């Protein structure tokens, strides 16, 4: 045996995903989803042991090619070691990503109350006290995350569908984008990387014959893009996204969520989201379009 092929196979460095986020936001569901997709999942592994886990996977002769590690506040005494572990992995060119699961305070309180369990950080205080303490603890990690998913309005099946869309493909694309229309009156999406405001355009809601329709209808889209500045805005912002996408690729960022808003999330933002998604797809970015608030009125 010459040693080249066998040695390389035995020492193949596994791909790593770190799952973290707010307690009650769906970490367990995310872990089970990745496990179903063939990932080797380790729950509540102390961050200091992550490089060791990667080393063990590298010695598995290819049997452990993808590792997902759940890191949460149950291991808070080890949490300060996470950044050091990530820096160590970076020096060894380990392909790693951080998924952060987020949810609103109201959604988290409802979930904890429904299962009648205390928040792991609330101590003798209230659930909201534990949530606030956890947000403070995880703030830096959230800022460094490659993918932030807001599960406030998602059920288990919808969360699994989102993760399937990101991880089910055999070939990992250079960049994936989610273009999400939303209504400002329902609040900003907390998982948005970029926010676009379409309220500078006239609102089709005030045109009686267009009010029942959405931005998916040709009548509404034609009205929106016939307004002064609409096509120019689309062209300029698409050019800007081209620059941003190239930068994300250089920096190794694989996911971006672009939130496009209008007042109610029904007309202008929907039409603009559809056109932006088409431009991104033409630019080689794998794109998913989501209309968060369409149908809420």
C-alpha atoms as a PDB file:
ATOM      1  CA  UNK A   1       0.000   0.000   0.000  1.00  0.00           C
ATOM      2  CA  UNK A   2       1.439   3.341  -1.042  1.00  0.00           C
ATOM      3  CA  UNK A   3      -0.253   5.233   1.806  1.00  0.00           C
ATOM      4  CA  UNK A   4      -1.437   8.324  -0.102  1.00  0.00           C
ATOM      5  CA  UNK A   5      -5.103   7.526  -0.668  1.00  0.00           C
ATOM      6  CA  UNK A   6      -5.626   5.571   2.561  1.00  0.00           C
ATOM      7  CA  UNK A   7      -3.961   8.200   4.733  1.00  0.00           C
ATOM      8  CA  UNK A   8      -5.907  11.042   3.189  1.00  0.00           C
ATOM      9  CA  UNK A   9      -9.205   9.191   3.641  1.00  0.00           C
ATOM     10  CA  UNK A  10      -8.392   8.366   7.274  1.00  0.00           C
ATOM     11  CA  UNK A  11      -7.589  11.979   8.104  1.00  0.00           C
ATOM     12  CA  UNK A  12     -10.398  13.729   6.231  1.00  0.00           C
ATOM     13  CA  UNK A  13     -11.508  16.643   8.397  1.00  0.00           C
ATOM     14  CA  UNK A  14     -15.274  16.481   9.037  1.00  0.00           C
ATOM     15  CA  UNK A  15     -17.614  19.373   8.372  1.00  0.00           C
ATOM     16  CA  UNK A  16     -18.875  21.016  11.565  1.00  0.00           C
ATOM     17  CA  UNK A  17     -22.131  22.785  12.434  1.00  0.00           C
ATOM     18  CA  UNK A  18     -22.657  24.376  15.848  1.00  0.00           C
ATOM     19  CA  UNK A  19     -26.306  24.709  16.881  1.00  0.00           C
ATOM     20  CA  UNK A  20     -27.034  27.308  19.528  1.00  0.00           C
ATOM     21  CA  UNK A  21     -29.571  29.963  20.401  1.00  0.00           C
ATOM     22  CA  UNK A  22     -32.302  30.725  22.870  1.00  0.00           C
ATOM     23  CA  UNK A  23     -33.731  28.009  25.106  1.00  0.00           C
ATOM     24  CA  UNK A  24     -37.137  27.098  23.719  1.00  0.00           C
ATOM     25  CA  UNK A  25     -36.332  28.352  20.207  1.00  0.00           C
ATOM     26  CA  UNK A  26     -36.005  24.886  18.669  1.00  0.00           C
ATOM     27  CA  UNK A  27     -32.446  23.634  19.171  1.00  0.00           C
ATOM     28  CA  UNK A  28     -33.617  20.055  19.752  1.00  0.00           C
ATOM     29  CA  UNK A  29     -35.736  20.115  16.601  1.00  0.00           C
ATOM     30  CA  UNK A  30     -32.781  21.451  14.597  1.00  0.00           C
ATOM     31  CA  UNK A  31     -30.530  18.717  16.001  1.00  0.00           C
ATOM     32  CA  UNK A  32     -33.026  15.977  15.125  1.00  0.00           C
ATOM     33  CA  UNK A  33     -33.423  17.383  11.626  1.00  0.00           C
ATOM     34  CA  UNK A  34     -29.677  17.294  10.963  1.00  0.00           C
ATOM     35  CA  UNK A  35     -29.496  13.800  12.450  1.00  0.00           C
ATOM     36  CA  UNK A  36     -32.165  12.669   9.992  1.00  0.00           C
ATOM     37  CA  UNK A  37     -30.058  14.171   7.198  1.00  0.00           C
ATOM     38  CA  UNK A  38     -27.108  11.992   8.179  1.00  0.00           C
ATOM     39  CA  UNK A  39     -25.172  14.285  10.526  1.00  0.00           C
ATOM     40  CA  UNK A  40     -23.507  12.900  13.642  1.00  0.00           C
ATOM     41  CA  UNK A  41     -25.154  14.958  16.400  1.00  0.00           C
ATOM     42  CA  UNK A  42     -23.738  15.597  19.876  1.00  0.00           C
ATOM     43  CA  UNK A  43     -26.010  17.355  22.380  1.00  0.00           C
ATOM     44  CA  UNK A  44     -24.632  19.716  25.041  1.00  0.00           C
ATOM     45  CA  UNK A  45     -20.972  19.076  24.313  1.00  0.00           C
ATOM     46  CA  UNK A  46     -18.718  21.408  26.349  1.00  0.00           C
ATOM     47  CA  UNK A  47     -17.246  23.895  23.847  1.00  0.00           C
ATOM     48  CA  UNK A  48     -13.701  23.104  24.964  1.00  0.00           C
ATOM     49  CA  UNK A  49     -14.180  19.550  23.651  1.00  0.00           C
ATOM     50  CA  UNK A  50     -15.333  20.533  20.157  1.00  0.00           C
ATOM     51  CA  UNK A  51     -11.808  20.362  18.635  1.00  0.00           C
ATOM     52  CA  UNK A  52     -11.386  16.906  20.213  1.00  0.00           C
ATOM     53  CA  UNK A  53     -14.677  15.797  18.655  1.00  0.00           C
ATOM     54  CA  UNK A  54     -13.473  17.011  15.257  1.00  0.00           C
ATOM     55  CA  UNK A  55     -10.187  15.102  15.736  1.00  0.00           C
ATOM     56  CA  UNK A  56     -12.096  11.913  16.529  1.00  0.00           C
ATOM     57  CA  UNK A  57     -14.219  12.398  13.429  1.00  0.00           C
ATOM     58  CA  UNK A  58     -11.093  12.862  11.330  1.00  0.00           C
ATOM     59  CA  UNK A  59      -9.839   9.455  12.530  1.00  0.00           C
ATOM     60  CA  UNK A  60     -13.077   7.685  11.624  1.00  0.00           C
ATOM     61  CA  UNK A  61     -11.910   6.866   8.078  1.00  0.00           C
ATOM     62  CA  UNK A  62     -14.754   8.897   6.610  1.00  0.00           C
ATOM     63  CA  UNK A  63     -17.515   7.357   8.748  1.00  0.00           C
ATOM     64  CA  UNK A  64     -18.100  10.678  10.540  1.00  0.00           C
ATOM     65  CA  UNK A  65     -17.942  13.251   7.763  1.00  0.00           C
ATOM     66  CA  UNK A  66     -20.414  15.766   9.215  1.00  0.00           C
ATOM     67  CA  UNK A  67     -20.726  16.683  12.888  1.00  0.00           C
ATOM     68  CA  UNK A  68     -23.397  18.857  14.508  1.00  0.00           C
ATOM     69  CA  UNK A  69     -22.821  20.046  18.076  1.00  0.00           C
ATOM     70  CA  UNK A  70     -25.545  21.581  20.263  1.00  0.00           C
ATOM     71  CA  UNK A  71     -24.133  24.282  22.573  1.00  0.00           C
ATOM     72  CA  UNK A  72     -26.445  25.903  25.102  1.00  0.00           C
ATOM     73  CA  UNK A  73     -26.540  27.534  28.511  1.00  0.00           C
ATOM     74  CA  UNK A  74     -26.654  24.190  30.290  1.00  0.00           C
ATOM     75  CA  UNK A  75     -22.917  24.243  29.677  1.00  0.00           C
ATOM     76  CA  UNK A  76     -22.488  27.886  30.660  1.00  0.00           C
ATOM     77  CA  UNK A  77     -19.453  27.134  32.834  1.00  0.00           C
ATOM     78  CA  UNK A  78     -17.721  26.056  29.606  1.00  0.00           C
ATOM     79  CA  UNK A  79     -19.260  28.711  27.362  1.00  0.00           C
ATOM     80  CA  UNK A  80     -16.306  31.084  27.567  1.00  0.00           C
ATOM     81  CA  UNK A  81     -14.221  28.398  25.871  1.00  0.00           C
ATOM     82  CA  UNK A  82     -16.306  28.471  22.699  1.00  0.00           C
ATOM     83  CA  UNK A  83     -14.503  31.380  21.036  1.00  0.00           C
ATOM     84  CA  UNK A  84     -11.145  29.792  21.808  1.00  0.00           C
ATOM     85  CA  UNK A  85     -12.318  26.504  20.294  1.00  0.00           C
ATOM     86  CA  UNK A  86     -13.596  28.233  17.159  1.00  0.00           C
ATOM     87  CA  UNK A  87     -10.281  30.062  16.758  1.00  0.00           C
ATOM     88  CA  UNK A  88      -8.451  26.737  17.070  1.00  0.00           C
ATOM     89  CA  UNK A  89     -10.651  25.181  14.383  1.00  0.00           C
ATOM     90  CA  UNK A  90     -10.030  28.157  12.089  1.00  0.00           C
ATOM     91  CA  UNK A  91      -6.269  27.592  12.237  1.00  0.00           C
ATOM     92  CA  UNK A  92      -6.860  24.033  11.003  1.00  0.00           C
ATOM     93  CA  UNK A  93      -9.148  25.118   8.147  1.00  0.00           C
ATOM     94  CA  UNK A  94     -12.124  23.215   9.538  1.00  0.00           C
ATOM     95  CA  UNK A  95     -15.264  23.996   7.566  1.00  0.00           C
ATOM     96  CA  UNK A  96     -17.616  25.133  10.326  1.00  0.00           C
ATOM     97  CA  UNK A  97     -20.889  27.043  10.561  1.00  0.00           C
ATOM     98  CA  UNK A  98     -22.901  28.434  13.455  1.00  0.00           C
ATOM     99  CA  UNK A  99     -26.712  28.223  13.444  1.00  0.00           C
ATOM    100  CA  UNK A 100     -28.452  30.497  15.945  1.00  0.00           C
ATOM    101  CA  UNK A 101     -32.126  29.881  16.737  1.00  0.00           C
ATOM    102  CA  UNK A 102     -33.982  32.992  17.849  1.00  0.00           C
ATOM    103  CA  UNK A 103     -37.524  33.744  19.027  1.00  0.00           C
ATOM    104  CA  UNK A 104     -39.409  36.658  20.538  1.00  0.00           C
ATOM    105  CA  UNK A 105     -39.820  36.962  24.306  1.00  0.00           C
ATOM    106  CA  UNK A 106     -43.575  36.418  23.977  1.00  0.00           C
ATOM    107  CA  UNK A 107     -43.107  33.214  21.988  1.00  0.00           C
ATOM    108  CA  UNK A 108     -40.522  31.862  24.428  1.00  0.00           C
ATOM    109  CA  UNK A 109     -42.673  32.641  27.462  1.00  0.00           C
ATOM    110  CA  UNK A 110     -45.645  30.842  25.872  1.00  0.00           C
ATOM    111  CA  UNK A 111     -43.522  27.789  25.134  1.00  0.00           C
ATOM    112  CA  UNK A 112     -42.109  27.530  28.647  1.00  0.00           C
ATOM    113  CA  UNK A 113     -45.541  28.039  30.189  1.00  0.00           C
ATOM    114  CA  UNK A 114     -47.103  25.408  27.918  1.00  0.00           C
ATOM    115  CA  UNK A 115     -44.678  22.735  29.150  1.00  0.00           C
ATOM    116  CA  UNK A 116     -44.662  24.105  32.724  1.00  0.00           C
ATOM    117  CA  UNK A 117     -40.894  24.157  32.929  1.00  0.00           C
ATOM    118  CA  UNK A 118     -38.651  26.926  34.272  1.00  0.00           C
ATOM    119  CA  UNK A 119     -36.132  28.704  32.110  1.00  0.00           C
ATOM    120  CA  UNK A 120     -32.638  27.306  32.878  1.00  0.00           C
ATOM    121  CA  UNK A 121     -31.360  30.761  33.872  1.00  0.00           C
ATOM    122  CA  UNK A 122     -34.336  32.205  35.739  1.00  0.00           C
ATOM    123  CA  UNK A 123     -33.250  30.979  39.182  1.00  0.00           C
ATOM    124  CA  UNK A 124     -35.725  32.348  41.735  1.00  0.00           C
ATOM    125  CA  UNK A 125     -36.952  35.004  39.281  1.00  0.00           C
ATOM    126  CA  UNK A 126     -39.451  34.951  36.430  1.00  0.00           C
ATOM    127  CA  UNK A 127     -39.200  33.320  33.013  1.00  0.00           C
ATOM    128  CA  UNK A 128     -38.609  36.728  31.425  1.00  0.00           C
ATOM    129  CA  UNK A 129     -35.632  37.245  33.753  1.00  0.00           C
ATOM    130  CA  UNK A 130     -34.062  34.022  32.521  1.00  0.00           C
ATOM    131  CA  UNK A 131     -34.699  34.986  28.891  1.00  0.00           C
ATOM    132  CA  UNK A 132     -33.059  38.385  29.401  1.00  0.00           C
ATOM    133  CA  UNK A 133     -30.017  36.784  31.065  1.00  0.00           C
ATOM    134  CA  UNK A 134     -29.678  34.286  28.230  1.00  0.00           C
ATOM    135  CA  UNK A 135     -29.933  36.977  25.532  1.00  0.00           C
ATOM    136  CA  UNK A 136     -27.123  38.859  27.218  1.00  0.00           C
ATOM    137  CA  UNK A 137     -24.989  35.719  27.457  1.00  0.00           C
ATOM    138  CA  UNK A 138     -25.521  34.770  23.803  1.00  0.00           C
ATOM    139  CA  UNK A 139     -25.415  38.234  22.226  1.00  0.00           C
ATOM    140  CA  UNK A 140     -21.869  37.921  20.890  1.00  0.00           C
ATOM    141  CA  UNK A 141     -22.442  34.439  19.504  1.00  0.00           C
ATOM    142  CA  UNK A 142     -25.591  35.618  17.738  1.00  0.00           C
ATOM    143  CA  UNK A 143     -23.605  38.375  16.066  1.00  0.00           C
ATOM    144  CA  UNK A 144     -21.071  35.848  14.787  1.00  0.00           C
ATOM    145  CA  UNK A 145     -23.647  33.304  13.567  1.00  0.00           C
ATOM    146  CA  UNK A 146     -23.661  32.253   9.916  1.00  0.00           C
ATOM    147  CA  UNK A 147     -27.400  31.570   9.949  1.00  0.00           C
ATOM    148  CA  UNK A 148     -30.024  33.089  12.273  1.00  0.00           C
ATOM    149  CA  UNK A 149     -33.514  31.565  12.181  1.00  0.00           C
ATOM    150  CA  UNK A 150     -36.452  33.250  13.902  1.00  0.00           C
ATOM    151  CA  UNK A 151     -38.823  30.505  15.050  1.00  0.00           C
ATOM    152  CA  UNK A 152     -41.394  32.801  16.706  1.00  0.00           C
ATOM    153  CA  UNK A 153     -44.099  32.001  14.161  1.00  0.00           C
ATOM    154  CA  UNK A 154     -42.817  28.602  12.996  1.00  0.00           C
ATOM    155  CA  UNK A 155     -44.134  25.209  13.991  1.00  0.00           C
ATOM    156  CA  UNK A 156     -41.901  22.138  14.165  1.00  0.00           C
ATOM    157  CA  UNK A 157     -42.612  21.141  10.569  1.00  0.00           C
ATOM    158  CA  UNK A 158     -41.873  24.615   9.208  1.00  0.00           C
ATOM    159  CA  UNK A 159     -38.567  24.761  11.084  1.00  0.00           C
ATOM    160  CA  UNK A 160     -37.574  21.369   9.724  1.00  0.00           C
ATOM    161  CA  UNK A 161     -38.485  22.543   6.212  1.00  0.00           C
ATOM    162  CA  UNK A 162     -36.208  25.577   6.599  1.00  0.00           C
ATOM    163  CA  UNK A 163     -33.296  23.408   7.721  1.00  0.00           C
ATOM    164  CA  UNK A 164     -33.961  20.843   5.003  1.00  0.00           C
ATOM    165  CA  UNK A 165     -33.768  23.642   2.440  1.00  0.00           C
ATOM    166  CA  UNK A 166     -30.379  24.721   3.817  1.00  0.00           C
ATOM    167  CA  UNK A 167     -28.728  21.337   4.406  1.00  0.00           C
ATOM    168  CA  UNK A 168     -30.438  18.630   2.362  1.00  0.00           C
ATOM    169  CA  UNK A 169     -28.462  19.244  -0.848  1.00  0.00           C
ATOM    170  CA  UNK A 170     -25.464  17.031  -1.500  1.00  0.00           C
ATOM    171  CA  UNK A 171     -23.484  19.927  -2.937  1.00  0.00           C
ATOM    172  CA  UNK A 172     -23.071  22.954  -0.673  1.00  0.00           C
ATOM    173  CA  UNK A 173     -23.642  26.121  -2.730  1.00  0.00           C
ATOM    174  CA  UNK A 174     -21.405  29.143  -2.370  1.00  0.00           C
ATOM    175  CA  UNK A 175     -24.224  31.327  -1.050  1.00  0.00           C
ATOM    176  CA  UNK A 176     -27.868  30.839  -0.146  1.00  0.00           C
ATOM    177  CA  UNK A 177     -30.263  33.761   0.218  1.00  0.00           C
ATOM    178  CA  UNK A 178     -33.706  34.073   1.737  1.00  0.00           C
ATOM    179  CA  UNK A 179     -35.680  37.056   0.451  1.00  0.00           C
ATOM    180  CA  UNK A 180     -38.507  37.728   2.896  1.00  0.00           C
ATOM    181  CA  UNK A 181     -41.328  40.203   2.393  1.00  0.00           C
ATOM    182  CA  UNK A 182     -42.860  41.576   5.595  1.00  0.00           C
ATOM    183  CA  UNK A 183     -45.121  44.283   6.984  1.00  0.00           C
ATOM    184  CA  UNK A 184     -43.587  46.960   9.196  1.00  0.00           C
ATOM    185  CA  UNK A 185     -46.789  47.066  11.232  1.00  0.00           C
ATOM    186  CA  UNK A 186     -46.101  43.473  12.296  1.00  0.00           C
ATOM    187  CA  UNK A 187     -42.508  44.184  13.304  1.00  0.00           C
ATOM    188  CA  UNK A 188     -39.055  43.720  11.782  1.00  0.00           C
ATOM    189  CA  UNK A 189     -37.867  40.136  11.170  1.00  0.00           C
ATOM    190  CA  UNK A 190     -35.272  39.500  13.876  1.00  0.00           C
ATOM    191  CA  UNK A 191     -33.255  37.189  11.608  1.00  0.00           C
ATOM    192  CA  UNK A 192     -32.776  39.767   8.826  1.00  0.00           C
ATOM    193  CA  UNK A 193     -29.233  40.590   7.699  1.00  0.00           C
ATOM    194  CA  UNK A 194     -30.396  43.375   5.366  1.00  0.00           C
ATOM    195  CA  UNK A 195     -33.630  45.387   5.470  1.00  0.00           C
ATOM    196  CA  UNK A 196     -35.222  47.126   2.465  1.00  0.00           C
ATOM    197  CA  UNK A 197     -38.015  49.695   2.883  1.00  0.00           C
ATOM    198  CA  UNK A 198     -40.507  49.948  -0.001  1.00  0.00           C
ATOM    199  CA  UNK A 199     -42.809  52.454   1.675  1.00  0.00           C
ATOM    200  CA  UNK A 200     -41.476  55.224  -0.560  1.00  0.00           C
ATOM    201  CA  UNK A 201     -43.706  53.791  -3.309  1.00  0.00           C
ATOM    202  CA  UNK A 202     -47.474  54.507  -3.503  1.00  0.00           C
ATOM    203  CA  UNK A 203     -49.505  51.877  -1.688  1.00  0.00           C
ATOM    204  CA  UNK A 204     -51.785  49.732  -3.909  1.00  0.00           C
ATOM    205  CA  UNK A 205     -53.965  49.266  -0.835  1.00  0.00           C
ATOM    206  CA  UNK A 206     -55.522  52.640  -1.607  1.00  0.00           C
ATOM    207  CA  UNK A 207     -56.448  51.592  -5.148  1.00  0.00           C
ATOM    208  CA  UNK A 208     -59.835  49.859  -4.712  1.00  0.00           C
ATOM    209  CA  UNK A 209     -59.465  47.486  -7.650  1.00  0.00           C
ATOM    210  CA  UNK A 210     -56.005  46.366  -6.449  1.00  0.00           C
ATOM    211  CA  UNK A 211     -56.694  46.096  -2.720  1.00  0.00           C
ATOM    212  CA  UNK A 212     -57.930  42.453  -2.802  1.00  0.00           C
ATOM    213  CA  UNK A 213     -54.844  41.281  -4.712  1.00  0.00           C
ATOM    214  CA  UNK A 214     -51.242  40.729  -3.581  1.00  0.00           C
ATOM    215  CA  UNK A 215     -47.852  41.480  -5.046  1.00  0.00           C
ATOM    216  CA  UNK A 216     -47.934  38.051  -6.691  1.00  0.00           C
ATOM    217  CA  UNK A 217     -50.647  39.265  -9.061  1.00  0.00           C
ATOM    218  CA  UNK A 218     -49.535  40.846 -12.312  1.00  0.00           C
ATOM    219  CA  UNK A 219     -51.905  43.793 -11.844  1.00  0.00           C
ATOM    220  CA  UNK A 220     -50.233  44.779  -8.567  1.00  0.00           C
ATOM    221  CA  UNK A 221     -46.675  44.145  -9.783  1.00  0.00           C
ATOM    222  CA  UNK A 222     -47.309  46.247 -12.898  1.00  0.00           C
ATOM    223  CA  UNK A 223     -48.711  49.087 -10.774  1.00  0.00           C
ATOM    224  CA  UNK A 224     -45.748  48.981  -8.364  1.00  0.00           C
ATOM    225  CA  UNK A 225     -43.053  48.986 -11.033  1.00  0.00           C
ATOM    226  CA  UNK A 226     -44.754  51.705 -13.068  1.00  0.00           C
ATOM    227  CA  UNK A 227     -44.269  54.106 -10.157  1.00  0.00           C
ATOM    228  CA  UNK A 228     -41.411  56.664 -10.389  1.00  0.00           C
ATOM    229  CA  UNK A 229     -38.217  55.267  -8.923  1.00  0.00           C
ATOM    230  CA  UNK A 230     -39.368  51.643  -8.585  1.00  0.00           C
ATOM    231  CA  UNK A 231     -37.397  50.148 -11.467  1.00  0.00           C
ATOM    232  CA  UNK A 232     -34.369  52.315 -10.712  1.00  0.00           C
ATOM    233  CA  UNK A 233     -34.466  51.214  -7.079  1.00  0.00           C
ATOM    234  CA  UNK A 234     -34.624  47.558  -8.114  1.00  0.00           C
ATOM    235  CA  UNK A 235     -31.689  47.979 -10.503  1.00  0.00           C
ATOM    236  CA  UNK A 236     -29.514  49.860  -7.997  1.00  0.00           C
ATOM    237  CA  UNK A 237     -30.263  47.536  -5.117  1.00  0.00           C
ATOM    238  CA  UNK A 238     -29.628  44.472  -7.279  1.00  0.00           C
ATOM    239  CA  UNK A 239     -26.224  45.971  -8.146  1.00  0.00           C
ATOM    240  CA  UNK A 240     -25.544  46.524  -4.453  1.00  0.00           C
ATOM    241  CA  UNK A 241     -26.509  42.917  -3.662  1.00  0.00           C
ATOM    242  CA  UNK A 242     -24.100  41.757  -6.341  1.00  0.00           C
ATOM    243  CA  UNK A 243     -21.287  43.521  -4.459  1.00  0.00           C
ATOM    244  CA  UNK A 244     -22.482  42.225  -1.079  1.00  0.00           C
ATOM    245  CA  UNK A 245     -22.820  38.647  -2.350  1.00  0.00           C
ATOM    246  CA  UNK A 246     -19.274  38.697  -3.669  1.00  0.00           C
ATOM    247  CA  UNK A 247     -18.049  39.952  -0.301  1.00  0.00           C
ATOM    248  CA  UNK A 248     -19.985  37.293   1.589  1.00  0.00           C
ATOM    249  CA  UNK A 249     -18.434  34.609  -0.598  1.00  0.00           C
ATOM    250  CA  UNK A 250     -14.933  35.946   0.080  1.00  0.00           C
ATOM    251  CA  UNK A 251     -15.629  35.989   3.826  1.00  0.00           C
ATOM    252  CA  UNK A 252     -17.068  32.468   3.796  1.00  0.00           C
ATOM    253  CA  UNK A 253     -20.595  33.563   4.754  1.00  0.00           C
ATOM    254  CA  UNK A 254     -23.013  31.098   3.225  1.00  0.00           C
ATOM    255  CA  UNK A 255     -26.399  32.464   4.241  1.00  0.00           C
ATOM    256  CA  UNK A 256     -28.065  35.862   3.999  1.00  0.00           C
ATOM    257  CA  UNK A 257     -31.621  36.934   4.786  1.00  0.00           C
ATOM    258  CA  UNK A 258     -32.888  40.029   2.958  1.00  0.00           C
ATOM    259  CA  UNK A 259     -36.064  41.468   4.465  1.00  0.00           C
ATOM    260  CA  UNK A 260     -38.173  43.621   2.145  1.00  0.00           C
ATOM    261  CA  UNK A 261     -40.850  45.622   3.926  1.00  0.00           C
ATOM    262  CA  UNK A 262     -43.905  47.732   3.239  1.00  0.00           C
ATOM    263  CA  UNK A 263     -46.755  48.708   5.532  1.00  0.00           C
ATOM    264  CA  UNK A 264     -48.719  45.460   5.558  1.00  0.00           C
ATOM    265  CA  UNK A 265     -46.450  43.014   3.728  1.00  0.00           C
ATOM    266  CA  UNK A 266     -49.046  42.329   1.046  1.00  0.00           C
ATOM    267  CA  UNK A 267     -48.403  44.421  -2.076  1.00  0.00           C
ATOM    268  CA  UNK A 268     -45.201  46.432  -2.582  1.00  0.00           C
ATOM    269  CA  UNK A 269     -42.816  44.266  -0.557  1.00  0.00           C
ATOM    270  CA  UNK A 270     -44.120  41.073  -2.155  1.00  0.00           C
ATOM    271  CA  UNK A 271     -43.696  42.405  -5.688  1.00  0.00           C
ATOM    272  CA  UNK A 272     -40.214  43.744  -4.930  1.00  0.00           C
ATOM    273  CA  UNK A 273     -39.163  40.499  -3.215  1.00  0.00           C
ATOM    274  CA  UNK A 274     -40.124  38.454  -6.246  1.00  0.00           C
ATOM    275  CA  UNK A 275     -38.058  40.663  -8.580  1.00  0.00           C
ATOM    276  CA  UNK A 276     -35.060  40.738  -6.213  1.00  0.00           C
ATOM    277  CA  UNK A 277     -35.146  36.953  -5.891  1.00  0.00           C
ATOM    278  CA  UNK A 278     -35.082  36.617  -9.660  1.00  0.00           C
ATOM    279  CA  UNK A 279     -32.077  38.969  -9.898  1.00  0.00           C
ATOM    280  CA  UNK A 280     -30.176  37.012  -7.210  1.00  0.00           C
ATOM    281  CA  UNK A 281     -30.934  33.694  -8.894  1.00  0.00           C
ATOM    282  CA  UNK A 282     -29.645  35.085 -12.186  1.00  0.00           C
ATOM    283  CA  UNK A 283     -26.476  36.101 -10.304  1.00  0.00           C
ATOM    284  CA  UNK A 284     -25.850  32.496  -9.260  1.00  0.00           C
ATOM    285  CA  UNK A 285     -27.236  32.771  -5.723  1.00  0.00           C
ATOM    286  CA  UNK A 286     -29.515  29.937  -4.575  1.00  0.00           C
ATOM    287  CA  UNK A 287     -32.587  31.847  -3.434  1.00  0.00           C
ATOM    288  CA  UNK A 288     -35.720  31.076  -1.419  1.00  0.00           C
ATOM    289  CA  UNK A 289     -38.589  33.587  -1.343  1.00  0.00           C
ATOM    290  CA  UNK A 290     -40.794  33.825   1.746  1.00  0.00           C
ATOM    291  CA  UNK A 291     -43.793  36.127   2.218  1.00  0.00           C
ATOM    292  CA  UNK A 292     -44.065  36.328   5.991  1.00  0.00           C
ATOM    293  CA  UNK A 293     -47.142  38.484   6.428  1.00  0.00           C
ATOM    294  CA  UNK A 294     -49.075  37.955   3.207  1.00  0.00           C
ATOM    295  CA  UNK A 295     -52.587  36.842   4.146  1.00  0.00           C
ATOM    296  CA  UNK A 296     -52.558  38.269   7.673  1.00  0.00           C
ATOM    297  CA  UNK A 297     -54.977  41.084   6.840  1.00  0.00           C
END
